[in-house]
Amino acid sequence: MISTAIALQEATKEAVHDEMIMAMASDIYRYRDTDSDSFAKMLFEYSAMLASMTTTLVINAVLTESQLHDLLNTIKEMESMGKDVE
């Protein structure tokens, strides 16, 4: 359990310090005086990218390759079922 917590912490740290994420944060700071719509868009894109990166790294930290494969298959099945419902 402690090793999982450490892996989660490291994945989050890696996501926050990712070169692309840091560049986006720098752009937000640099253009903080821009109009509110543009600034809101930059914040949204930054938070979406950070959440996506964190999720990806956390999944890789806590799931084995076969578990990840099973997860992806389940997602595909759920998407297929959703299309059938429409």
C-alpha atoms as a PDB file:
ATOM      1  CA  MET A   1       0.000   0.000   0.000  1.00  0.00           C
ATOM      2  CA  ILE A   2       2.838   2.404   0.787  1.00  0.00           C
ATOM      3  CA  SER A   3       4.528   1.560  -2.505  1.00  0.00           C
ATOM      4  CA  THR A   4       1.288   2.371  -4.346  1.00  0.00           C
ATOM      5  CA  ALA A   5       1.000   5.709  -2.532  1.00  0.00           C
ATOM      6  CA  ILE A   6       4.591   6.539  -3.432  1.00  0.00           C
ATOM      7  CA  ALA A   7       3.963   5.545  -7.056  1.00  0.00           C
ATOM      8  CA  LEU A   8       0.902   7.806  -7.149  1.00  0.00           C
ATOM      9  CA  GLN A   9       2.874  10.669  -5.637  1.00  0.00           C
ATOM     10  CA  GLU A  10       5.687  10.219  -8.153  1.00  0.00           C
ATOM     11  CA  ALA A  11       3.247  10.030 -11.078  1.00  0.00           C
ATOM     12  CA  THR A  12       1.580  13.258  -9.978  1.00  0.00           C
ATOM     13  CA  LYS A  13       4.935  14.966  -9.491  1.00  0.00           C
ATOM     14  CA  GLU A  14       6.088  13.795 -12.916  1.00  0.00           C
ATOM     15  CA  ALA A  15       2.911  15.141 -14.536  1.00  0.00           C
ATOM     16  CA  VAL A  16       3.202  18.549 -12.859  1.00  0.00           C
ATOM     17  CA  HIS A  17       6.865  18.847 -13.843  1.00  0.00           C
ATOM     18  CA  ASP A  18       6.366  17.598 -17.412  1.00  0.00           C
ATOM     19  CA  GLU A  19       8.055  19.907 -19.908  1.00  0.00           C
ATOM     20  CA  MET A  20       4.878  20.537 -21.915  1.00  0.00           C
ATOM     21  CA  ILE A  21       2.779  21.155 -18.782  1.00  0.00           C
ATOM     22  CA  MET A  22       5.370  23.572 -17.436  1.00  0.00           C
ATOM     23  CA  ALA A  23       5.434  25.423 -20.776  1.00  0.00           C
ATOM     24  CA  MET A  24       1.657  25.813 -20.626  1.00  0.00           C
ATOM     25  CA  ALA A  25       1.870  27.139 -17.055  1.00  0.00           C
ATOM     26  CA  SER A  26       4.543  29.595 -18.161  1.00  0.00           C
ATOM     27  CA  ASP A  27       2.328  30.796 -21.024  1.00  0.00           C
ATOM     28  CA  ILE A  28      -0.575  31.316 -18.640  1.00  0.00           C
ATOM     29  CA  TYR A  29       1.621  33.422 -16.386  1.00  0.00           C
ATOM     30  CA  ARG A  30       3.071  35.376 -19.308  1.00  0.00           C
ATOM     31  CA  TYR A  31      -0.359  36.142 -20.789  1.00  0.00           C
ATOM     32  CA  ARG A  32      -2.242  36.633 -17.509  1.00  0.00           C
ATOM     33  CA  ASP A  33      -3.232  40.165 -18.543  1.00  0.00           C
ATOM     34  CA  THR A  34      -5.010  38.980 -21.701  1.00  0.00           C
ATOM     35  CA  ASP A  35      -8.784  39.175 -22.132  1.00  0.00           C
ATOM     36  CA  SER A  36     -10.787  36.974 -19.782  1.00  0.00           C
ATOM     37  CA  ASP A  37     -12.101  34.605 -22.480  1.00  0.00           C
ATOM     38  CA  SER A  38      -8.616  33.802 -23.750  1.00  0.00           C
ATOM     39  CA  PHE A  39      -7.280  33.458 -20.222  1.00  0.00           C
ATOM     40  CA  ALA A  40     -10.138  31.120 -19.269  1.00  0.00           C
ATOM     41  CA  LYS A  41      -9.446  29.012 -22.363  1.00  0.00           C
ATOM     42  CA  MET A  42      -5.744  28.759 -21.463  1.00  0.00           C
ATOM     43  CA  LEU A  43      -6.609  27.721 -17.897  1.00  0.00           C
ATOM     44  CA  PHE A  44      -9.079  25.113 -19.144  1.00  0.00           C
ATOM     45  CA  GLU A  45      -6.561  23.658 -21.601  1.00  0.00           C
ATOM     46  CA  TYR A  46      -3.863  23.586 -18.916  1.00  0.00           C
ATOM     47  CA  SER A  47      -6.083  21.849 -16.364  1.00  0.00           C
ATOM     48  CA  ALA A  48      -7.340  19.340 -18.941  1.00  0.00           C
ATOM     49  CA  MET A  49      -3.797  18.535 -20.067  1.00  0.00           C
ATOM     50  CA  LEU A  50      -2.545  18.214 -16.487  1.00  0.00           C
ATOM     51  CA  ALA A  51      -5.467  15.950 -15.518  1.00  0.00           C
ATOM     52  CA  SER A  52      -4.957  13.805 -18.601  1.00  0.00           C
ATOM     53  CA  MET A  53      -1.219  13.482 -18.022  1.00  0.00           C
ATOM     54  CA  THR A  54      -1.728  12.675 -14.335  1.00  0.00           C
ATOM     55  CA  THR A  55      -4.356  10.054 -15.132  1.00  0.00           C
ATOM     56  CA  THR A  56      -2.134   8.402 -17.721  1.00  0.00           C
ATOM     57  CA  LEU A  57       0.858   8.258 -15.398  1.00  0.00           C
ATOM     58  CA  VAL A  58      -1.238   7.043 -12.440  1.00  0.00           C
ATOM     59  CA  ILE A  59      -2.783   4.268 -14.529  1.00  0.00           C
ATOM     60  CA  ASN A  60       0.672   3.183 -15.642  1.00  0.00           C
ATOM     61  CA  ALA A  61       1.866   3.253 -12.026  1.00  0.00           C
ATOM     62  CA  VAL A  62      -0.916   1.147 -10.518  1.00  0.00           C
ATOM     63  CA  LEU A  63      -2.023  -1.254 -13.259  1.00  0.00           C
ATOM     64  CA  THR A  64      -0.124  -4.111 -14.795  1.00  0.00           C
ATOM     65  CA  GLU A  65      -0.051  -4.431 -18.568  1.00  0.00           C
ATOM     66  CA  SER A  66      -2.748  -7.120 -18.531  1.00  0.00           C
ATOM     67  CA  GLN A  67      -4.954  -5.065 -16.197  1.00  0.00           C
ATOM     68  CA  LEU A  68      -4.573  -2.079 -18.509  1.00  0.00           C
ATOM     69  CA  HIS A  69      -5.500  -4.279 -21.478  1.00  0.00           C
ATOM     70  CA  ASP A  70      -8.599  -5.502 -19.606  1.00  0.00           C
ATOM     71  CA  LEU A  71      -9.544  -1.926 -18.743  1.00  0.00           C
ATOM     72  CA  LEU A  72      -9.278  -0.811 -22.368  1.00  0.00           C
ATOM     73  CA  ASN A  73     -11.383  -3.767 -23.517  1.00  0.00           C
ATOM     74  CA  THR A  74     -14.036  -2.920 -20.937  1.00  0.00           C
ATOM     75  CA  ILE A  75     -14.087   0.698 -22.105  1.00  0.00           C
ATOM     76  CA  LYS A  76     -14.528  -0.464 -25.708  1.00  0.00           C
ATOM     77  CA  GLU A  77     -17.382  -2.757 -24.669  1.00  0.00           C
ATOM     78  CA  MET A  78     -19.102   0.065 -22.768  1.00  0.00           C
ATOM     79  CA  GLU A  79     -18.755   2.409 -25.756  1.00  0.00           C
ATOM     80  CA  SER A  80     -20.239  -0.256 -28.011  1.00  0.00           C
ATOM     81  CA  MET A  81     -23.157  -0.792 -25.629  1.00  0.00           C
ATOM     82  CA  GLY A  82     -23.729   2.965 -25.528  1.00  0.00           C
ATOM     83  CA  LYS A  83     -23.959   3.110 -29.313  1.00  0.00           C
ATOM     84  CA  ASP A  84     -26.495   0.284 -29.286  1.00  0.00           C
ATOM     85  CA  VAL A  85     -28.684   2.198 -26.828  1.00  0.00           C
ATOM     86  CA  GLU A  86     -28.823   5.301 -29.029  1.00  0.00           C
END
